[in-house]
Amino acid sequence: MREVPPGNLPRFFDCQSEPDARKRVDILLNLKDLNDSSEDELYYSRKLFDEAAAVGDGFAVGASLGSLASYYISSPGAGDSLARILAQAEPLMRGSGMEGLGAYYRMVE
């Protein structure tokens, strides 16, 4: 059995055993919501971004951006990281309800 780090119990309930990529995205959307404002929020946001980008889910990519952008905006010297993640996210969000997020995060940076 995998050891669970203290304080990170939700990470134990990861979704890597789910073979269906779209179901993993759904699981990660829920885990991200459950961990909103916790120390694990960034962890699940990053995992959600990666999984959603891999399957081309623009809505889920956009859902992960709030936490990621907030982190990069508040981290000195992380502007390049924000620019890279937005460059990857924007094509995926075209045509979804999340389409304008990239422009918004560039504006508030």
Protein backbone atom coordinates (compact mmCIF):
# COMPACT_ATOMS: atom_id res chain seq x y z
CA MET A 1 0.00 0.00 0.00
CA ARG A 2 1.21 3.49 -0.86
CA GLU A 3 2.14 5.68 2.11
CA VAL A 4 0.07 8.85 2.46
CA PRO A 5 2.06 11.94 3.42
CA PRO A 6 0.71 13.64 6.58
CA GLY A 7 -1.51 16.58 5.72
CA ASN A 8 -2.00 15.36 2.17
CA LEU A 9 -4.67 12.72 2.61
CA PRO A 10 -6.69 13.84 -0.45
CA ARG A 11 -3.73 13.05 -2.70
CA PHE A 12 -4.09 9.41 -1.70
CA PHE A 13 -7.37 9.37 -3.61
CA ASP A 14 -5.66 10.11 -6.89
CA CYS A 15 -7.18 9.06 -10.19
CA GLN A 16 -4.24 7.45 -11.99
CA SER A 17 -5.82 4.01 -11.75
CA GLU A 18 -8.74 5.18 -13.94
CA PRO A 19 -7.96 4.06 -17.51
CA ASP A 20 -10.40 6.47 -19.21
CA ALA A 21 -8.75 9.89 -19.66
CA ARG A 22 -12.08 11.78 -19.73
CA LYS A 23 -13.17 10.16 -16.48
CA ARG A 24 -9.81 11.17 -14.93
CA VAL A 25 -10.58 14.76 -15.95
CA ASP A 26 -14.01 14.53 -14.28
CA ILE A 27 -12.47 13.08 -11.13
CA LEU A 28 -9.83 15.82 -11.06
CA LEU A 29 -12.46 18.53 -11.53
CA ASN A 30 -14.19 17.21 -8.43
CA LEU A 31 -10.96 16.84 -6.46
CA LYS A 32 -9.94 20.38 -7.38
CA ASP A 33 -13.31 21.68 -6.19
CA LEU A 34 -13.10 19.68 -2.96
CA ASN A 35 -9.62 21.07 -2.28
CA ASP A 36 -10.42 24.70 -3.08
CA SER A 37 -8.45 27.00 -0.75
CA SER A 38 -6.47 24.10 0.71
CA GLU A 39 -2.78 23.37 0.48
CA ASP A 40 -3.57 20.78 -2.20
CA GLU A 41 -5.46 23.14 -4.51
CA LEU A 42 -2.44 23.92 -6.68
CA TYR A 43 -1.51 20.23 -6.90
CA TYR A 44 -4.95 19.26 -8.24
CA SER A 45 -5.15 22.32 -10.49
CA ARG A 46 -1.88 21.35 -12.16
CA LYS A 47 -2.91 17.71 -12.55
CA LEU A 48 -6.28 18.83 -13.95
CA PHE A 49 -4.58 21.19 -16.41
CA ASP A 50 -2.26 18.44 -17.67
CA GLU A 51 -5.00 15.80 -18.02
CA ALA A 52 -7.49 18.23 -19.59
CA ALA A 53 -4.90 19.51 -22.06
CA ALA A 54 -4.08 15.94 -23.06
CA VAL A 55 -7.71 15.24 -23.99
CA GLY A 56 -8.44 18.72 -25.37
CA ASP A 57 -11.06 19.65 -22.76
CA GLY A 58 -11.16 23.46 -22.93
CA PHE A 59 -13.65 23.83 -20.09
CA ALA A 60 -11.53 21.77 -17.67
CA VAL A 61 -8.37 23.60 -18.76
CA GLY A 62 -10.12 26.89 -17.98
CA ALA A 63 -11.34 25.57 -14.64
CA SER A 64 -7.76 24.86 -13.61
CA LEU A 65 -6.43 28.27 -14.69
CA GLY A 66 -7.75 30.33 -11.77
CA SER A 67 -5.55 28.64 -9.21
CA LEU A 68 -2.57 28.35 -11.52
CA ALA A 69 -2.75 31.97 -12.69
CA SER A 70 -3.17 33.25 -9.13
CA TYR A 71 -0.08 31.33 -8.09
CA TYR A 72 2.04 32.55 -11.01
CA ILE A 73 0.80 36.16 -10.70
CA SER A 74 1.68 36.25 -6.99
CA SER A 75 5.09 34.58 -7.47
CA PRO A 76 7.86 37.04 -8.34
CA GLY A 77 9.64 36.02 -11.52
CA ALA A 78 6.99 33.50 -12.58
CA GLY A 79 5.61 35.64 -15.42
CA ASP A 80 7.24 33.35 -17.98
CA SER A 81 5.48 30.36 -16.44
CA LEU A 82 2.13 32.13 -16.69
CA ALA A 83 2.81 33.08 -20.32
CA ARG A 84 3.72 29.46 -21.17
CA ILE A 85 0.63 28.00 -19.53
CA LEU A 86 -1.65 30.57 -21.18
CA ALA A 87 -0.06 29.90 -24.58
CA GLN A 88 -0.85 26.21 -24.10
CA ALA A 89 -4.37 26.84 -22.73
CA GLU A 90 -5.74 29.44 -25.13
CA PRO A 91 -6.02 27.21 -28.23
CA LEU A 92 -7.76 24.56 -26.12
CA MET A 93 -10.28 27.07 -24.74
CA ARG A 94 -11.34 28.46 -28.15
CA GLY A 95 -15.03 27.93 -28.66
CA SER A 96 -15.68 27.11 -25.00
CA GLY A 97 -17.15 29.28 -22.28
CA MET A 98 -13.59 29.79 -21.01
CA GLU A 99 -12.31 31.43 -24.19
CA GLY A 100 -11.58 34.89 -22.74
CA LEU A 101 -9.68 33.74 -19.65
CA GLY A 102 -6.23 34.04 -21.22
CA ALA A 103 -6.79 37.70 -22.07
CA TYR A 104 -8.16 38.34 -18.59
CA TYR A 105 -5.17 36.79 -16.81
CA ARG A 106 -2.74 38.70 -19.03
CA MET A 107 -4.59 41.91 -18.15
CA VAL A 108 -4.40 41.38 -14.37
CA GLU A 109 -0.82 40.10 -14.38
